[in-house]
Amino acid sequence: MPNKFDNVKDEDFLDVMGYVQEERARAMAAAILRLKKSIDEFNAKSSEQTRKMIRLTKWITGLTMAMLVAVIVQIVLIIKNSL
């Protein structure tokens, strides 16, 4: 049974295969660039979120220290008043 590719020369077939491989390589390169862009955006957002969390942690630490000082002052006042 004849095949529709029987009349195709080997050189023509290799040219088509080369073209297909080039197109596939271009598509893969484009996908890699999109992936890199997504990763860069994620890293930028993650870094910003980390900075915000560190700032929040510093505020919490400061407020905790202020509460500790207030408790110490109250204890000192109670001791002075009880004497």
Protein backbone atom coordinates (compact mmCIF):
# COMPACT_ATOMS: atom_id res chain seq x y z
CA MET A 1 0.00 0.00 0.00
CA PRO A 2 1.53 3.34 -0.99
CA ASN A 3 2.38 5.84 1.72
CA LYS A 4 1.86 9.57 1.19
CA PHE A 5 5.50 10.11 2.24
CA ASP A 6 6.92 7.71 -0.33
CA ASN A 7 7.73 10.53 -2.76
CA VAL A 8 9.35 12.74 -0.10
CA LYS A 9 13.12 12.95 -0.36
CA ASP A 10 15.22 12.34 2.73
CA GLU A 11 16.64 15.88 2.55
CA ASP A 12 13.15 17.40 2.54
CA PHE A 13 12.13 15.24 5.48
CA LEU A 14 15.25 16.27 7.42
CA ASP A 15 14.53 19.95 6.67
CA VAL A 16 11.01 19.57 8.06
CA MET A 17 12.31 17.75 11.14
CA GLY A 18 14.89 20.49 11.69
CA TYR A 19 12.17 23.14 11.45
CA VAL A 20 9.97 21.25 13.93
CA GLN A 21 12.87 20.95 16.38
CA GLU A 22 13.66 24.67 16.05
CA GLU A 23 10.04 25.60 16.71
CA ARG A 24 9.96 23.29 19.71
CA ALA A 25 13.19 24.82 21.03
CA ARG A 26 11.72 28.33 20.61
CA ALA A 27 8.56 27.30 22.44
CA MET A 28 10.60 25.80 25.27
CA ALA A 29 12.77 28.93 25.51
CA ALA A 30 9.65 31.11 25.68
CA ALA A 31 8.20 28.88 28.40
CA ILE A 32 11.45 29.07 30.37
CA LEU A 33 11.47 32.88 30.10
CA ARG A 34 7.85 33.04 31.34
CA LEU A 35 8.74 30.73 34.21
CA LYS A 36 11.77 32.86 35.13
CA LYS A 37 9.61 36.00 35.07
CA SER A 38 7.05 34.33 37.34
CA ILE A 39 9.77 33.23 39.75
CA ASP A 40 11.28 36.73 39.80
CA GLU A 41 7.86 38.26 40.55
CA PHE A 42 7.25 35.70 43.29
CA ASN A 43 10.65 36.40 44.85
CA ALA A 44 10.02 40.16 44.80
CA LYS A 45 6.62 39.76 46.48
CA SER A 46 8.05 37.27 48.96
CA SER A 47 10.88 39.65 49.89
CA GLU A 48 8.41 42.49 50.44
CA GLN A 49 6.24 40.27 52.63
CA THR A 50 9.32 39.22 54.62
CA ARG A 51 10.25 42.88 55.21
CA LYS A 52 6.71 43.57 56.46
CA MET A 53 6.83 40.57 58.80
CA ILE A 54 10.18 41.67 60.24
CA ARG A 55 8.81 45.19 60.81
CA LEU A 56 5.72 43.73 62.52
CA THR A 57 7.91 41.51 64.70
CA LYS A 58 9.95 44.52 65.78
CA TRP A 59 6.76 46.39 66.71
CA ILE A 60 5.52 43.42 68.72
CA THR A 61 8.89 43.19 70.50
CA GLY A 62 8.78 46.91 71.32
CA LEU A 63 5.24 46.70 72.67
CA THR A 64 6.15 43.64 74.73
CA MET A 65 9.08 45.51 76.26
CA ALA A 66 6.81 48.48 77.04
CA MET A 67 4.33 46.14 78.76
CA LEU A 68 7.18 44.57 80.74
CA VAL A 69 8.33 48.01 81.92
CA ALA A 70 4.73 48.89 82.87
CA VAL A 71 4.42 45.68 84.89
CA ILE A 72 7.72 46.36 86.68
CA VAL A 73 6.58 49.91 87.49
CA GLN A 74 3.29 48.59 88.87
CA ILE A 75 5.11 46.01 91.02
CA VAL A 76 7.44 48.70 92.37
CA LEU A 77 4.48 50.98 93.16
CA ILE A 78 2.62 48.16 94.92
CA ILE A 79 5.71 47.32 97.00
CA LYS A 80 6.23 51.01 97.95
CA ASN A 81 2.59 51.43 98.93
CA SER A 82 2.57 48.27 101.01
CA LEU A 83 5.58 49.33 103.09
